[in-house]
C-alpha cells in the first residue's frame, strides 16, 4: 500500500478533495485513505476502484469513486464481488 500513496503526489491540491472524498454514513464509506487502500483498476476517466483495508486487513471491502457520491462500497469483500459478478 505504500506505493499506492503516490497516486496523489502529482495531483494539484484543489483536486485532492475530490479524489479523497468525505465520510458519508448514508453511502459509505464516502472517502478513501490512500494509506489503507489499494487502487486495483479504473472504470473510466476519474473513476478508480480500490480495495479498502480499513474494515479488515484480511478481507478488504471493494469501493469505487462515483461521479455523484464520492467513494461507494460495491462489496464488503472481494469474494462477494466475485460472487456478484458470477465468476
N, C-alpha and C. Protein backbone atom coordinates (compact mmCIF):
# COMPACT_ATOMS: atom_id res chain seq x y z
N UNK A 1 0.81 -1.19 0.00
CA UNK A 1 0.00 0.00 0.00
C UNK A 1 0.86 1.25 0.00
N UNK A 2 2.11 1.15 0.38
CA UNK A 2 2.98 2.32 0.38
C UNK A 2 3.13 2.88 -1.02
N UNK A 3 3.32 2.04 -2.01
CA UNK A 3 3.45 2.51 -3.39
C UNK A 3 2.16 3.16 -3.87
N UNK A 4 1.05 2.77 -3.34
CA UNK A 4 -0.24 3.30 -3.73
C UNK A 4 -0.41 4.77 -3.34
N UNK A 5 0.26 5.20 -2.31
CA UNK A 5 0.14 6.59 -1.85
C UNK A 5 0.53 7.59 -2.93
N UNK A 6 1.39 7.19 -3.84
CA UNK A 6 1.93 8.10 -4.84
C UNK A 6 0.89 8.60 -5.83
N UNK A 7 -0.28 7.99 -5.92
CA UNK A 7 -1.26 8.43 -6.90
C UNK A 7 -1.76 9.84 -6.62
N UNK A 8 -1.57 10.36 -5.42
CA UNK A 8 -1.96 11.73 -5.11
C UNK A 8 -0.80 12.72 -5.19
N UNK A 9 0.44 12.21 -5.25
CA UNK A 9 1.61 13.08 -5.18
C UNK A 9 1.66 14.16 -6.26
N UNK A 10 1.36 13.82 -7.48
CA UNK A 10 1.47 14.77 -8.58
C UNK A 10 0.16 15.49 -8.88
N UNK A 11 -0.82 15.30 -8.04
CA UNK A 11 -2.13 15.88 -8.27
C UNK A 11 -2.20 17.29 -7.68
N UNK A 12 -2.76 18.25 -8.43
CA UNK A 12 -2.94 19.59 -7.86
C UNK A 12 -3.79 19.54 -6.60
N UNK A 13 -3.47 20.37 -5.65
CA UNK A 13 -4.14 20.37 -4.34
C UNK A 13 -5.65 20.51 -4.45
N UNK A 14 -6.15 21.32 -5.39
CA UNK A 14 -7.59 21.53 -5.49
C UNK A 14 -8.35 20.30 -6.00
N UNK A 15 -7.66 19.30 -6.56
CA UNK A 15 -8.30 18.05 -6.99
C UNK A 15 -8.28 16.98 -5.91
N UNK A 16 -7.40 17.12 -4.96
CA UNK A 16 -7.26 16.08 -3.93
C UNK A 16 -8.54 15.83 -3.16
N UNK A 17 -9.26 16.88 -2.82
CA UNK A 17 -10.50 16.73 -2.08
C UNK A 17 -11.51 15.88 -2.83
N UNK A 18 -11.57 16.04 -4.15
CA UNK A 18 -12.48 15.23 -4.97
C UNK A 18 -12.11 13.77 -4.88
N UNK A 19 -10.82 13.47 -5.01
CA UNK A 19 -10.38 12.08 -5.00
C UNK A 19 -10.41 11.44 -3.62
N UNK A 20 -10.19 12.22 -2.58
CA UNK A 20 -10.20 11.66 -1.22
C UNK A 20 -11.63 11.50 -0.70
N UNK A 21 -12.53 12.39 -1.09
CA UNK A 21 -13.91 12.33 -0.64
C UNK A 21 -14.09 12.75 0.80
N UNK A 22 -15.30 12.58 1.29
CA UNK A 22 -15.68 12.91 2.66
C UNK A 22 -16.44 11.72 3.24
N UNK A 23 -16.25 11.41 4.52
CA UNK A 23 -17.03 10.31 5.12
C UNK A 23 -18.53 10.55 4.92
N UNK A 24 -19.26 9.48 4.61
CA UNK A 24 -20.69 9.58 4.34
C UNK A 24 -21.39 8.37 4.93
N UNK A 25 -22.20 8.57 5.95
CA UNK A 25 -22.89 7.46 6.61
C UNK A 25 -24.01 6.89 5.75
N UNK A 26 -24.62 7.70 4.89
CA UNK A 26 -25.72 7.22 4.06
C UNK A 26 -25.23 6.37 2.90
N UNK A 27 -24.06 6.68 2.35
CA UNK A 27 -23.47 5.90 1.25
C UNK A 27 -22.00 5.67 1.57
N UNK A 28 -21.73 4.77 2.51
CA UNK A 28 -20.36 4.57 2.99
C UNK A 28 -19.44 3.97 1.93
N UNK A 29 -18.15 4.19 2.04
CA UNK A 29 -17.54 4.97 3.11
C UNK A 29 -17.51 6.46 2.82
N UNK A 30 -17.65 6.87 1.55
CA UNK A 30 -17.62 8.29 1.20
C UNK A 30 -16.23 8.81 0.93
N UNK A 31 -15.26 8.28 1.65
CA UNK A 31 -13.88 8.73 1.48
C UNK A 31 -12.97 7.53 1.28
N UNK A 32 -11.71 7.83 1.01
CA UNK A 32 -10.69 6.80 0.87
C UNK A 32 -9.45 7.26 1.64
N UNK A 33 -8.74 6.33 2.20
CA UNK A 33 -7.48 6.61 2.88
C UNK A 33 -6.37 5.98 2.04
N UNK A 34 -5.57 6.78 1.34
CA UNK A 34 -4.52 6.21 0.48
C UNK A 34 -3.55 5.29 1.23
N UNK A 35 -3.40 5.48 2.53
CA UNK A 35 -2.51 4.64 3.32
C UNK A 35 -3.13 3.28 3.66
N UNK A 36 -4.44 3.16 3.48
CA UNK A 36 -5.12 1.92 3.84
C UNK A 36 -5.98 1.38 2.69
N UNK A 37 -5.55 1.68 1.48
CA UNK A 37 -6.28 1.19 0.31
C UNK A 37 -5.30 0.85 -0.80
N UNK A 38 -5.81 0.14 -1.79
CA UNK A 38 -5.01 -0.25 -2.93
C UNK A 38 -5.85 -0.08 -4.19
N UNK A 39 -5.44 0.85 -5.05
CA UNK A 39 -6.15 1.02 -6.32
C UNK A 39 -5.93 -0.23 -7.16
N UNK A 40 -7.01 -0.79 -7.70
CA UNK A 40 -6.88 -2.03 -8.47
C UNK A 40 -7.39 -1.89 -9.90
N UNK A 41 -7.96 -0.75 -10.23
CA UNK A 41 -8.44 -0.57 -11.60
C UNK A 41 -9.12 0.76 -11.78
N UNK A 42 -9.68 0.93 -12.97
CA UNK A 42 -10.31 2.17 -13.35
C UNK A 42 -11.54 1.85 -14.18
N UNK A 43 -12.68 2.39 -13.82
CA UNK A 43 -13.92 2.16 -14.56
C UNK A 43 -14.11 3.17 -15.69
N UNK A 44 -13.19 4.09 -15.80
CA UNK A 44 -13.24 5.15 -16.81
C UNK A 44 -12.49 6.35 -16.28
N UNK A 45 -12.53 7.45 -17.01
CA UNK A 45 -11.81 8.65 -16.56
C UNK A 45 -12.26 9.08 -15.16
N UNK A 46 -11.32 9.22 -14.28
CA UNK A 46 -11.57 9.68 -12.91
C UNK A 46 -12.55 8.80 -12.15
N UNK A 47 -12.53 7.48 -12.41
CA UNK A 47 -13.42 6.55 -11.72
C UNK A 47 -12.66 5.31 -11.27
N UNK A 48 -11.68 5.49 -10.39
CA UNK A 48 -10.91 4.34 -9.91
C UNK A 48 -11.72 3.46 -8.96
N UNK A 49 -11.30 2.20 -8.84
CA UNK A 49 -11.85 1.35 -7.80
C UNK A 49 -10.70 0.76 -7.02
N UNK A 50 -10.98 0.38 -5.78
CA UNK A 50 -9.91 0.04 -4.85
C UNK A 50 -10.35 -0.99 -3.83
N UNK A 51 -9.36 -1.61 -3.22
CA UNK A 51 -9.58 -2.42 -2.03
C UNK A 51 -9.37 -1.49 -0.84
N UNK A 52 -10.32 -1.47 0.05
CA UNK A 52 -10.27 -0.61 1.23
C UNK A 52 -10.01 -1.50 2.44
N UNK A 53 -8.83 -1.36 3.03
CA UNK A 53 -8.42 -2.22 4.14
C UNK A 53 -8.83 -1.69 5.51
N UNK A 54 -9.55 -0.60 5.56
CA UNK A 54 -9.96 -0.07 6.87
C UNK A 54 -10.88 -1.02 7.62
N UNK A 55 -11.88 -1.64 6.96
CA UNK A 55 -12.74 -2.56 7.72
C UNK A 55 -12.01 -3.83 8.16
N UNK A 56 -11.08 -4.33 7.31
CA UNK A 56 -10.40 -5.59 7.63
C UNK A 56 -9.14 -5.73 6.78
N UNK A 57 -8.04 -6.08 7.43
CA UNK A 57 -6.81 -6.34 6.68
C UNK A 57 -6.87 -7.66 5.94
N UNK A 58 -7.64 -8.60 6.47
CA UNK A 58 -7.75 -9.92 5.85
C UNK A 58 -8.79 -9.97 4.73
N UNK A 59 -9.81 -9.13 4.83
CA UNK A 59 -10.89 -9.15 3.83
C UNK A 59 -11.32 -7.71 3.53
N UNK A 60 -10.54 -6.99 2.72
CA UNK A 60 -10.86 -5.60 2.43
C UNK A 60 -12.16 -5.47 1.63
N UNK A 61 -12.84 -4.36 1.84
CA UNK A 61 -14.04 -4.09 1.04
C UNK A 61 -13.60 -3.56 -0.33
N UNK A 62 -14.53 -3.57 -1.28
CA UNK A 62 -14.27 -3.07 -2.63
C UNK A 62 -15.07 -1.78 -2.79
N UNK A 63 -14.38 -0.69 -3.16
CA UNK A 63 -15.03 0.61 -3.29
C UNK A 63 -14.69 1.22 -4.64
N UNK A 64 -15.53 2.17 -5.09
CA UNK A 64 -15.21 2.89 -6.32
C UNK A 64 -15.57 4.36 -6.14
N UNK A 65 -14.94 5.20 -6.94
CA UNK A 65 -15.19 6.64 -6.89
C UNK A 65 -16.32 6.97 -7.85
N UNK A 66 -17.47 7.27 -7.31
CA UNK A 66 -18.64 7.63 -8.10
C UNK A 66 -18.53 9.09 -8.54
N UNK A 67 -19.10 9.40 -9.68
CA UNK A 67 -19.10 10.79 -10.13
C UNK A 67 -20.13 11.62 -9.38
N UNK A 68 -21.01 10.97 -8.63
CA UNK A 68 -22.07 11.70 -7.92
C UNK A 68 -22.00 11.60 -6.40
N UNK A 69 -21.29 10.60 -5.86
CA UNK A 69 -21.40 10.41 -4.41
C UNK A 69 -20.11 9.96 -3.75
N UNK A 70 -18.98 10.45 -4.17
CA UNK A 70 -17.72 10.07 -3.55
C UNK A 70 -17.48 8.57 -3.63
N UNK A 71 -16.75 8.01 -2.67
CA UNK A 71 -16.41 6.59 -2.68
C UNK A 71 -17.56 5.75 -2.14
N UNK A 72 -17.95 4.74 -2.89
CA UNK A 72 -19.08 3.89 -2.53
C UNK A 72 -18.62 2.44 -2.46
N UNK A 73 -19.09 1.74 -1.44
CA UNK A 73 -18.76 0.32 -1.31
C UNK A 73 -19.58 -0.49 -2.32
N UNK A 74 -18.88 -1.30 -3.09
CA UNK A 74 -19.51 -2.18 -4.07
C UNK A 74 -19.77 -3.54 -3.43
N UNK A 75 -18.84 -3.97 -2.60
CA UNK A 75 -18.96 -5.27 -1.94
C UNK A 75 -18.18 -5.23 -0.63
N UNK A 76 -18.65 -5.97 0.38
CA UNK A 76 -17.95 -5.98 1.66
C UNK A 76 -16.60 -6.68 1.62
N UNK A 77 -16.37 -7.48 0.56
CA UNK A 77 -15.07 -8.16 0.39
C UNK A 77 -14.97 -8.65 -1.06
N UNK A 78 -13.80 -9.08 -1.45
CA UNK A 78 -13.56 -9.49 -2.83
C UNK A 78 -14.35 -10.75 -3.20
N UNK A 79 -14.53 -11.66 -2.25
CA UNK A 79 -15.28 -12.87 -2.53
C UNK A 79 -16.73 -12.55 -2.91
N UNK A 80 -17.33 -11.61 -2.20
CA UNK A 80 -18.70 -11.21 -2.51
C UNK A 80 -18.77 -10.55 -3.88
N UNK A 81 -17.77 -9.74 -4.22
CA UNK A 81 -17.74 -9.12 -5.54
C UNK A 81 -17.68 -10.18 -6.63
N UNK A 82 -16.81 -11.16 -6.48
CA UNK A 82 -16.67 -12.23 -7.48
C UNK A 82 -17.99 -12.99 -7.60
N UNK A 83 -18.62 -13.26 -6.47
CA UNK A 83 -19.91 -13.96 -6.49
C UNK A 83 -20.96 -13.15 -7.24
N UNK A 84 -21.02 -11.85 -6.97
CA UNK A 84 -22.00 -10.98 -7.64
C UNK A 84 -21.74 -10.88 -9.14
N UNK A 85 -20.48 -10.95 -9.54
CA UNK A 85 -20.14 -10.89 -10.95
C UNK A 85 -20.39 -12.22 -11.66
N UNK A 86 -20.62 -13.28 -10.89
CA UNK A 86 -20.88 -14.59 -11.46
C UNK A 86 -19.64 -15.26 -12.03
N UNK A 87 -18.51 -14.92 -11.47
CA UNK A 87 -17.24 -15.50 -11.93
C UNK A 87 -16.95 -16.80 -11.21
